[in-house]
Amino acid sequence: MAKKNLTQKDIGEIFKAIPHLIKLPVRKIWVDYDREADVMYISLRRPQDATDSEMQDDGVLLRYRGKEIVGVTIFEASKR
């Protein structure tokens, strides 16, 4: 796969996300996007070591370690 350089427009989109990201109750997050499957994986802990998961009605999978959410999987991410 060819590498794509970030454009000013891409950076602008990142800036739009900042107010939402800094409100999260964690200091570090990891985001991976599988373009082919259109699935976004957000990890709030590394390693996740999830012990349970719960599928929401809106196509979002919450991953838990005990009572703590350690990951979020968003299906059909590009449609959100």
N, C-alpha and C. Protein backbone atom coordinates (compact mmCIF):
# COMPACT_ATOMS: atom_id res chain seq x y z
N MET A 1 0.84 -1.17 0.00
CA MET A 1 0.00 0.00 0.00
C MET A 1 0.89 1.24 0.00
N ALA A 2 0.55 2.19 -0.85
CA ALA A 2 1.33 3.42 -0.95
C ALA A 2 1.06 4.31 0.27
N LYS A 3 2.11 4.98 0.70
CA LYS A 3 1.96 5.91 1.82
C LYS A 3 1.33 7.20 1.32
N LYS A 4 0.51 7.80 2.16
CA LYS A 4 -0.13 9.06 1.83
C LYS A 4 0.34 10.10 2.84
N ASN A 5 0.79 11.22 2.33
CA ASN A 5 1.20 12.31 3.22
C ASN A 5 -0.04 13.05 3.70
N LEU A 6 0.03 13.57 4.93
CA LEU A 6 -1.06 14.37 5.47
C LEU A 6 -1.11 15.71 4.76
N THR A 7 -2.33 16.15 4.48
CA THR A 7 -2.54 17.47 3.89
C THR A 7 -3.00 18.43 4.99
N GLN A 8 -3.06 19.69 4.67
CA GLN A 8 -3.58 20.68 5.62
C GLN A 8 -5.03 20.35 5.97
N LYS A 9 -5.78 19.84 4.98
CA LYS A 9 -7.17 19.45 5.24
C LYS A 9 -7.22 18.31 6.26
N ASP A 10 -6.32 17.33 6.12
CA ASP A 10 -6.26 16.21 7.07
C ASP A 10 -5.97 16.73 8.47
N ILE A 11 -5.04 17.63 8.58
CA ILE A 11 -4.67 18.20 9.88
C ILE A 11 -5.85 18.97 10.47
N GLY A 12 -6.60 19.66 9.62
CA GLY A 12 -7.81 20.36 10.07
C GLY A 12 -8.82 19.39 10.66
N GLU A 13 -8.95 18.21 10.05
CA GLU A 13 -9.87 17.19 10.57
C GLU A 13 -9.41 16.69 11.93
N ILE A 14 -8.11 16.54 12.09
CA ILE A 14 -7.57 16.13 13.40
C ILE A 14 -7.89 17.19 14.45
N PHE A 15 -7.72 18.46 14.08
CA PHE A 15 -8.02 19.54 15.02
C PHE A 15 -9.49 19.51 15.47
N LYS A 16 -10.39 19.13 14.58
CA LYS A 16 -11.81 19.05 14.94
C LYS A 16 -12.06 17.99 16.01
N ALA A 17 -11.24 16.95 16.03
CA ALA A 17 -11.41 15.87 16.99
C ALA A 17 -10.85 16.20 18.38
N ILE A 18 -9.93 17.14 18.45
CA ILE A 18 -9.23 17.43 19.71
C ILE A 18 -10.18 17.73 20.87
N PRO A 19 -11.18 18.61 20.73
CA PRO A 19 -12.05 18.89 21.89
C PRO A 19 -12.73 17.64 22.44
N HIS A 20 -13.02 16.68 21.57
CA HIS A 20 -13.66 15.45 22.01
C HIS A 20 -12.65 14.51 22.67
N LEU A 21 -11.47 14.42 22.10
CA LEU A 21 -10.45 13.51 22.63
C LEU A 21 -9.96 13.92 24.01
N ILE A 22 -9.80 15.20 24.25
CA ILE A 22 -9.27 15.64 25.55
C ILE A 22 -10.29 15.48 26.67
N LYS A 23 -11.55 15.24 26.34
CA LYS A 23 -12.58 15.00 27.35
C LYS A 23 -12.60 13.54 27.82
N LEU A 24 -11.91 12.67 27.10
CA LEU A 24 -11.90 11.26 27.49
C LEU A 24 -11.20 11.10 28.85
N PRO A 25 -11.62 10.12 29.63
CA PRO A 25 -11.05 9.95 30.97
C PRO A 25 -9.70 9.23 30.98
N VAL A 26 -9.03 9.14 29.83
CA VAL A 26 -7.72 8.51 29.75
C VAL A 26 -6.75 9.48 29.10
N ARG A 27 -5.47 9.27 29.37
CA ARG A 27 -4.44 10.17 28.81
C ARG A 27 -3.91 9.69 27.47
N LYS A 28 -3.97 8.38 27.24
CA LYS A 28 -3.46 7.82 25.99
C LYS A 28 -4.55 7.00 25.33
N ILE A 29 -4.63 7.11 24.00
CA ILE A 29 -5.52 6.25 23.23
C ILE A 29 -4.76 5.80 21.99
N TRP A 30 -5.14 4.64 21.49
CA TRP A 30 -4.57 4.09 20.26
C TRP A 30 -5.72 3.85 19.31
N VAL A 31 -5.56 4.32 18.08
CA VAL A 31 -6.63 4.18 17.10
C VAL A 31 -6.08 3.46 15.88
N ASP A 32 -6.79 2.44 15.45
CA ASP A 32 -6.44 1.70 14.24
C ASP A 32 -7.70 1.64 13.38
N TYR A 33 -7.52 1.82 12.08
CA TYR A 33 -8.65 1.75 11.16
C TYR A 33 -8.35 0.76 10.06
N ASP A 34 -9.24 -0.19 9.89
CA ASP A 34 -9.15 -1.18 8.82
C ASP A 34 -10.07 -0.71 7.70
N ARG A 35 -9.48 -0.10 6.68
CA ARG A 35 -10.26 0.50 5.59
C ARG A 35 -11.07 -0.57 4.85
N GLU A 36 -10.46 -1.73 4.62
CA GLU A 36 -11.13 -2.79 3.87
C GLU A 36 -12.38 -3.28 4.60
N ALA A 37 -12.29 -3.45 5.91
CA ALA A 37 -13.43 -3.92 6.70
C ALA A 37 -14.30 -2.77 7.20
N ASP A 38 -13.80 -1.54 7.08
CA ASP A 38 -14.47 -0.33 7.57
C ASP A 38 -14.76 -0.44 9.06
N VAL A 39 -13.72 -0.82 9.80
CA VAL A 39 -13.83 -0.98 11.25
C VAL A 39 -12.75 -0.15 11.93
N MET A 40 -13.15 0.62 12.93
CA MET A 40 -12.19 1.40 13.72
C MET A 40 -12.06 0.76 15.10
N TYR A 41 -10.82 0.57 15.51
CA TYR A 41 -10.51 -0.01 16.81
C TYR A 41 -9.89 1.08 17.67
N ILE A 42 -10.46 1.34 18.82
CA ILE A 42 -9.94 2.33 19.76
C ILE A 42 -9.58 1.61 21.04
N SER A 43 -8.32 1.69 21.40
CA SER A 43 -7.85 1.06 22.64
C SER A 43 -7.59 2.14 23.68
N LEU A 44 -8.13 1.93 24.86
CA LEU A 44 -7.95 2.87 25.96
C LEU A 44 -6.91 2.37 26.96
N ARG A 45 -6.49 1.14 26.79
CA ARG A 45 -5.43 0.53 27.62
C ARG A 45 -4.61 -0.36 26.71
N ARG A 46 -3.32 -0.42 26.95
CA ARG A 46 -2.46 -1.35 26.22
C ARG A 46 -1.67 -2.15 27.23
N PRO A 47 -1.73 -3.44 27.21
CA PRO A 47 -2.61 -4.24 26.36
C PRO A 47 -4.03 -4.18 26.89
N GLN A 48 -4.99 -4.42 26.01
CA GLN A 48 -6.39 -4.37 26.43
C GLN A 48 -6.70 -5.47 27.44
N ASP A 49 -6.29 -6.70 27.15
CA ASP A 49 -6.60 -7.83 28.03
C ASP A 49 -8.07 -7.83 28.45
N ALA A 50 -8.95 -7.64 27.47
CA ALA A 50 -10.39 -7.60 27.76
C ALA A 50 -10.86 -8.95 28.28
N THR A 51 -11.75 -8.89 29.24
CA THR A 51 -12.32 -10.11 29.80
C THR A 51 -13.77 -10.30 29.37
N ASP A 52 -14.37 -9.27 28.78
CA ASP A 52 -15.76 -9.35 28.36
C ASP A 52 -16.00 -8.30 27.28
N SER A 53 -17.08 -8.46 26.55
CA SER A 53 -17.46 -7.47 25.54
C SER A 53 -18.98 -7.39 25.47
N GLU A 54 -19.45 -6.26 24.96
CA GLU A 54 -20.89 -6.04 24.85
C GLU A 54 -21.18 -5.31 23.55
N MET A 55 -22.02 -5.91 22.68
CA MET A 55 -22.40 -5.29 21.44
C MET A 55 -23.58 -4.36 21.67
N GLN A 56 -23.42 -3.11 21.28
CA GLN A 56 -24.49 -2.12 21.40
C GLN A 56 -25.41 -2.22 20.19
N ASP A 57 -26.61 -1.68 20.28
CA ASP A 57 -27.56 -1.70 19.18
C ASP A 57 -27.08 -0.87 17.98
N ASP A 58 -26.17 0.07 18.22
CA ASP A 58 -25.71 0.95 17.15
C ASP A 58 -24.47 0.44 16.42
N GLY A 59 -24.10 -0.82 16.62
CA GLY A 59 -22.96 -1.39 15.91
C GLY A 59 -21.62 -1.06 16.54
N VAL A 60 -21.62 -0.79 17.81
CA VAL A 60 -20.40 -0.50 18.56
C VAL A 60 -20.18 -1.62 19.57
N LEU A 61 -18.98 -2.16 19.59
CA LEU A 61 -18.62 -3.21 20.52
C LEU A 61 -17.76 -2.61 21.63
N LEU A 62 -18.22 -2.71 22.86
CA LEU A 62 -17.45 -2.24 24.01
C LEU A 62 -16.70 -3.42 24.59
N ARG A 63 -15.40 -3.22 24.87
CA ARG A 63 -14.58 -4.29 25.43
C ARG A 63 -14.21 -3.89 26.86
N TYR A 64 -14.39 -4.81 27.78
CA TYR A 64 -14.20 -4.55 29.21
C TYR A 64 -13.08 -5.41 29.79
N ARG A 65 -12.41 -4.87 30.78
CA ARG A 65 -11.57 -5.63 31.70
C ARG A 65 -12.18 -5.37 33.07
N GLY A 66 -12.88 -6.37 33.58
CA GLY A 66 -13.66 -6.14 34.79
C GLY A 66 -14.79 -5.19 34.45
N LYS A 67 -14.90 -4.09 35.19
CA LYS A 67 -15.94 -3.08 34.92
C LYS A 67 -15.43 -1.91 34.09
N GLU A 68 -14.14 -1.92 33.77
CA GLU A 68 -13.51 -0.81 33.05
C GLU A 68 -13.56 -1.04 31.53
N ILE A 69 -14.00 -0.03 30.78
CA ILE A 69 -13.96 -0.12 29.32
C ILE A 69 -12.51 0.08 28.87
N VAL A 70 -11.98 -0.90 28.15
CA VAL A 70 -10.59 -0.82 27.69
C VAL A 70 -10.49 -0.71 26.18
N GLY A 71 -11.61 -0.85 25.48
CA GLY A 71 -11.58 -0.75 24.03
C GLY A 71 -12.96 -0.55 23.45
N VAL A 72 -12.98 0.06 22.27
CA VAL A 72 -14.21 0.28 21.54
C VAL A 72 -13.96 -0.11 20.09
N THR A 73 -14.84 -0.92 19.54
CA THR A 73 -14.76 -1.31 18.14
C THR A 73 -15.98 -0.73 17.44
N ILE A 74 -15.75 0.05 16.38
CA ILE A 74 -16.84 0.71 15.67
C ILE A 74 -16.95 0.11 14.28
N PHE A 75 -18.04 -0.56 14.02
CA PHE A 75 -18.29 -1.16 12.72
C PHE A 75 -18.91 -0.11 11.79
N GLU A 76 -18.67 -0.24 10.49
CA GLU A 76 -19.13 0.73 9.49
C GLU A 76 -18.73 2.15 9.89
N ALA A 77 -17.48 2.30 10.26
CA ALA A 77 -16.96 3.56 10.79
C ALA A 77 -17.12 4.73 9.81
N SER A 78 -16.95 4.48 8.53
CA SER A 78 -17.00 5.59 7.56
C SER A 78 -18.41 6.15 7.41
N LYS A 79 -19.41 5.46 7.89
CA LYS A 79 -20.79 5.92 7.77
C LYS A 79 -21.23 6.73 8.97
N ARG A 80 -20.34 6.95 9.91
CA ARG A 80 -20.72 7.66 11.15
C ARG A 80 -20.48 9.15 11.03
